[in-house]
Amino acid sequence: MTHVLIGLCCVIFVLGPASGLNRAYGTGGGALLTAQAAYFERWGVIPLELWNGSPQALLTPLTALFVHGSWLHLLGNMLFLYVFGGMAETRMGRLPFAAFYLIIGYLALLGYAAAHATSGRTLVGASGSIAGVLGAFLYLFPRARVTSVFPFLFFLPLRFPAWIVLLFWFFLQWQAAQDDPHGPGVAYLSHVIGFALGFLYAWARYRRDSVGSTRADNRATEGASQP
């Protein structure tokens, strides 16, 4: 399912105007920019219009998850989904993971729109969903190690425990959200909301399994140590 979601996002982006590859939207200049603006307004979230109650507006937090504004936007999101999505999907199962991805992303964009209800800026991208995946991953696999780079470490590729990488990412998103109190711009608040919801869902859904597994492991260890 992770691969399906990545494939859908890539295909939709290539066929849309932001990729610059679909000549139906024009080959450049004002015509292409106009087509891009109209495309984002149709499929993206506009907080000011969301609360009008029209059926299409209420669907935009879902459609926006599959629309990206640039190649960098797409590739960055898909990289994080590829790295962290597979293990989270294996733990949750295919269909539950897909439902989790869509619901968390919808709620993250809805939360941002509620906090900035008067904003007319269009929001697109799967960042809220992917932030939810990262939050769930943090709870499910806190001891996993991932290769990451940090600017203050001269961009050297080093392996860190997942919880360090993800908490550092969450801290950056939280700080960016605080620095952007007026709303329009990158929807950092949706990243924070998605991450928090993903972590809370994994905690509520799997904490009993984790406790049970720990107790079973302890009993097995005790049994193995007895003569």
Protein backbone atom coordinates (compact mmCIF):
# COMPACT_ATOMS: atom_id res chain seq x y z
CA MET A 1 0.00 0.00 0.00
CA THR A 2 2.92 2.35 0.64
CA HIS A 3 4.06 1.79 -2.93
CA VAL A 4 0.51 2.33 -4.23
CA LEU A 5 0.25 5.67 -2.42
CA ILE A 6 3.65 6.77 -3.73
CA GLY A 7 2.65 5.70 -7.26
CA LEU A 8 -0.65 7.60 -7.11
CA CYS A 9 1.03 10.78 -5.92
CA CYS A 10 3.69 10.54 -8.64
CA VAL A 11 1.23 9.82 -11.46
CA ILE A 12 -1.13 12.62 -10.39
CA PHE A 13 1.78 15.05 -10.17
CA VAL A 14 3.17 14.14 -13.59
CA LEU A 15 -0.26 14.50 -15.20
CA GLY A 16 -0.94 17.80 -13.43
CA PRO A 17 0.31 21.29 -14.34
CA ALA A 18 2.95 21.59 -11.58
CA SER A 19 5.25 19.02 -13.21
CA GLY A 20 5.52 21.01 -16.43
CA LEU A 21 5.37 17.75 -18.40
CA ASN A 22 1.72 17.83 -19.46
CA ARG A 23 1.52 20.12 -22.49
CA ALA A 24 -2.25 20.31 -22.15
CA TYR A 25 -1.69 22.96 -19.47
CA GLY A 26 0.71 24.97 -21.59
CA THR A 27 4.46 24.97 -21.99
CA GLY A 28 5.31 27.95 -19.80
CA GLY A 29 4.61 31.56 -19.07
CA GLY A 30 1.36 33.04 -17.87
CA ALA A 31 -0.85 30.29 -19.30
CA LEU A 32 0.88 27.60 -17.26
CA LEU A 33 0.84 29.69 -14.08
CA THR A 34 -2.88 30.35 -14.53
CA ALA A 35 -3.53 26.64 -15.06
CA GLN A 36 -1.55 25.77 -11.94
CA ALA A 37 -3.45 28.27 -9.80
CA ALA A 38 -6.81 26.98 -11.04
CA TYR A 39 -5.72 23.37 -10.49
CA PHE A 40 -4.61 23.99 -6.91
CA GLU A 41 -7.76 25.96 -6.11
CA ARG A 42 -9.92 23.12 -7.40
CA TRP A 43 -8.20 20.25 -5.61
CA GLY A 44 -6.47 21.97 -2.69
CA VAL A 45 -7.76 23.23 0.65
CA ILE A 46 -8.72 26.88 0.98
CA PRO A 47 -9.58 27.41 4.68
CA LEU A 48 -11.79 30.41 3.97
CA GLU A 49 -13.96 28.36 1.60
CA LEU A 50 -13.86 25.10 3.53
CA TRP A 51 -16.37 26.26 6.12
CA ASN A 52 -18.99 27.24 3.54
CA GLY A 53 -20.24 23.66 3.78
CA SER A 54 -20.25 22.82 0.07
CA PRO A 55 -19.69 19.09 -0.61
CA GLN A 56 -16.68 19.71 -2.85
CA ALA A 57 -14.99 21.96 -0.29
CA LEU A 58 -15.40 19.30 2.38
CA LEU A 59 -13.66 16.79 0.10
CA THR A 60 -10.62 18.98 -0.56
CA PRO A 61 -8.69 17.87 2.58
CA LEU A 62 -8.76 14.42 0.97
CA THR A 63 -7.95 15.37 -2.62
CA ALA A 64 -5.20 17.74 -1.47
CA LEU A 65 -3.27 14.77 -0.08
CA PHE A 66 -2.47 13.65 -3.63
CA VAL A 67 -1.54 17.06 -5.06
CA HIS A 68 1.95 18.57 -4.76
CA GLY A 69 3.22 21.99 -5.72
CA SER A 70 6.66 21.16 -7.10
CA TRP A 71 9.13 18.38 -7.79
CA LEU A 72 10.95 19.12 -4.54
CA HIS A 73 7.69 19.04 -2.60
CA LEU A 74 6.76 15.67 -4.11
CA LEU A 75 10.17 14.01 -3.78
CA GLY A 76 10.66 15.14 -0.19
CA ASN A 77 7.30 13.76 0.90
CA MET A 78 7.67 10.51 -1.02
CA LEU A 79 11.14 9.92 0.41
CA PHE A 80 9.83 10.09 3.97
CA LEU A 81 6.85 7.91 3.08
CA TYR A 82 9.12 5.31 1.47
CA VAL A 83 11.58 5.21 4.38
CA PHE A 84 9.05 5.05 7.22
CA GLY A 85 5.82 3.85 5.60
CA GLY A 86 6.78 0.25 4.87
CA MET A 87 7.46 -0.79 8.46
CA ALA A 88 4.41 1.07 9.76
CA GLU A 89 2.26 -0.66 7.14
CA THR A 90 3.67 -4.07 8.06
CA ARG A 91 2.71 -3.46 11.68
CA MET A 92 -0.78 -2.11 10.93
CA GLY A 93 -1.78 -4.14 7.88
CA ARG A 94 -2.48 -2.87 4.38
CA LEU A 95 -6.06 -1.64 4.63
CA PRO A 96 -5.77 -0.24 8.17
CA PHE A 97 -2.62 1.60 7.09
CA ALA A 98 -4.39 3.10 4.07
CA ALA A 99 -7.32 4.21 6.24
CA PHE A 100 -4.90 5.62 8.82
CA TYR A 101 -3.01 7.54 6.13
CA LEU A 102 -6.15 9.13 4.67
CA ILE A 103 -7.88 9.92 7.96
CA ILE A 104 -4.84 11.42 9.66
CA GLY A 105 -4.05 13.52 6.60
CA TYR A 106 -7.64 14.75 6.39
CA LEU A 107 -7.72 15.68 10.06
CA ALA A 108 -4.33 17.41 9.88
CA LEU A 109 -5.45 19.69 7.04
CA LEU A 110 -8.81 20.21 8.71
CA GLY A 111 -7.05 21.24 11.91
CA TYR A 112 -4.88 23.74 10.06
CA ALA A 113 -7.93 25.15 8.28
CA ALA A 114 -9.74 25.52 11.60
CA ALA A 115 -6.80 27.40 13.13
CA HIS A 116 -6.57 29.74 10.11
CA ALA A 117 -10.21 29.93 9.08
CA THR A 118 -9.85 33.34 7.38
CA SER A 119 -6.89 32.36 5.18
CA GLY A 120 -7.40 32.30 1.43
CA ARG A 121 -4.09 30.50 0.76
CA THR A 122 -4.38 27.14 -1.00
CA LEU A 123 -2.88 24.12 0.78
CA VAL A 124 -1.79 20.94 -1.01
CA GLY A 125 0.42 17.97 -0.23
CA ALA A 126 0.60 14.75 1.74
CA SER A 127 2.70 16.21 4.55
CA GLY A 128 -0.04 15.80 7.19
CA SER A 129 -0.47 12.11 6.36
CA ILE A 130 3.25 11.48 6.29
CA ALA A 131 3.70 13.31 9.58
CA GLY A 132 1.12 10.89 11.00
CA VAL A 133 3.16 7.96 9.70
CA LEU A 134 6.25 9.40 11.39
CA GLY A 135 4.39 9.81 14.68
CA ALA A 136 3.14 6.22 14.56
CA PHE A 137 6.61 4.98 13.62
CA LEU A 138 8.08 6.75 16.64
CA TYR A 139 5.80 4.83 18.97
CA LEU A 140 5.98 1.49 17.16
CA PHE A 141 9.72 1.38 16.42
CA PRO A 142 11.51 3.80 18.78
CA ARG A 143 14.72 1.74 18.72
CA ALA A 144 14.99 1.42 14.94
CA ARG A 145 18.02 3.13 13.42
CA VAL A 146 17.87 5.26 10.31
CA THR A 147 20.52 7.06 8.26
CA SER A 148 20.06 10.82 8.46
CA VAL A 149 21.92 14.06 7.91
CA PHE A 150 21.87 17.16 10.13
CA PRO A 151 23.13 20.61 9.08
CA PHE A 152 25.01 21.18 12.33
CA LEU A 153 26.90 17.91 11.75
CA PHE A 154 28.15 19.10 8.34
CA PHE A 155 25.53 16.99 6.50
CA LEU A 156 27.42 13.78 7.18
CA PRO A 157 25.23 10.67 6.70
CA LEU A 158 25.08 9.07 10.13
CA ARG A 159 22.87 6.42 11.68
CA PHE A 160 20.70 7.52 14.59
CA PRO A 161 17.92 5.89 16.60
CA ALA A 162 14.60 6.72 14.95
CA TRP A 163 13.29 8.48 18.05
CA ILE A 164 16.11 11.06 17.88
CA VAL A 165 15.51 11.78 14.19
CA LEU A 166 11.74 12.00 14.51
CA LEU A 167 11.71 14.10 17.67
CA PHE A 168 14.22 16.47 16.05
CA TRP A 169 11.94 16.70 12.99
CA PHE A 170 8.90 17.33 15.22
CA PHE A 171 10.76 20.06 17.11
CA LEU A 172 11.62 21.83 13.85
CA GLN A 173 7.99 21.66 12.69
CA TRP A 174 6.76 22.95 16.04
CA GLN A 175 9.19 25.86 15.98
CA ALA A 176 8.23 26.71 12.41
CA ALA A 177 4.55 26.66 13.36
CA GLN A 178 5.25 29.09 16.19
CA ASP A 179 7.15 31.38 13.83
CA ASP A 180 4.19 31.42 11.41
CA PRO A 181 1.26 32.52 13.59
CA HIS A 182 -0.66 34.19 10.78
CA GLY A 183 -1.17 31.01 8.82
CA PRO A 184 -0.55 31.47 5.09
CA GLY A 185 2.55 29.73 3.81
CA VAL A 186 3.83 26.23 4.47
CA ALA A 187 1.28 24.44 6.65
CA TYR A 188 3.69 23.50 9.43
CA LEU A 189 0.82 23.30 11.90
CA SER A 190 -0.71 20.46 9.86
CA HIS A 191 2.61 18.60 10.23
CA VAL A 192 2.47 19.01 14.00
CA ILE A 193 -1.18 17.93 14.15
CA GLY A 194 -0.55 14.90 11.92
CA PHE A 195 2.50 13.80 13.90
CA ALA A 196 0.68 14.10 17.23
CA LEU A 197 -2.41 12.26 15.95
CA GLY A 198 -0.30 9.48 14.46
CA PHE A 199 1.60 8.97 17.71
CA LEU A 200 -1.59 9.04 19.82
CA TYR A 201 -3.32 6.57 17.51
CA ALA A 202 -0.42 4.11 17.70
CA TRP A 203 -0.28 4.52 21.49
CA ALA A 204 -4.03 3.91 21.89
CA ARG A 205 -4.16 1.04 19.40
CA TYR A 206 -0.96 -0.88 20.18
CA ARG A 207 0.01 -0.12 23.77
CA ARG A 208 -1.70 -3.27 25.08
CA ASP A 209 0.09 -5.35 22.46
CA SER A 210 3.39 -3.78 23.51
CA VAL A 211 2.73 -4.49 27.20
CA GLY A 212 1.67 -8.05 26.39
CA SER A 213 4.75 -8.66 24.28
CA THR A 214 7.01 -7.29 27.00
CA ARG A 215 5.41 -9.51 29.65
CA ALA A 216 5.64 -12.54 27.38
CA ASP A 217 9.30 -11.84 26.74
CA ASN A 218 9.92 -11.48 30.49
CA ARG A 219 8.15 -14.78 31.23
CA ALA A 220 10.14 -16.51 28.50
CA THR A 221 13.38 -15.10 29.91
CA GLU A 222 12.48 -16.19 33.44
CA GLY A 223 11.52 -19.66 32.24
CA ALA A 224 14.71 -20.06 30.30
CA SER A 225 16.79 -19.08 33.32
CA GLN A 226 15.25 -21.66 35.62
CA PRO A 227 17.15 -24.99 36.00
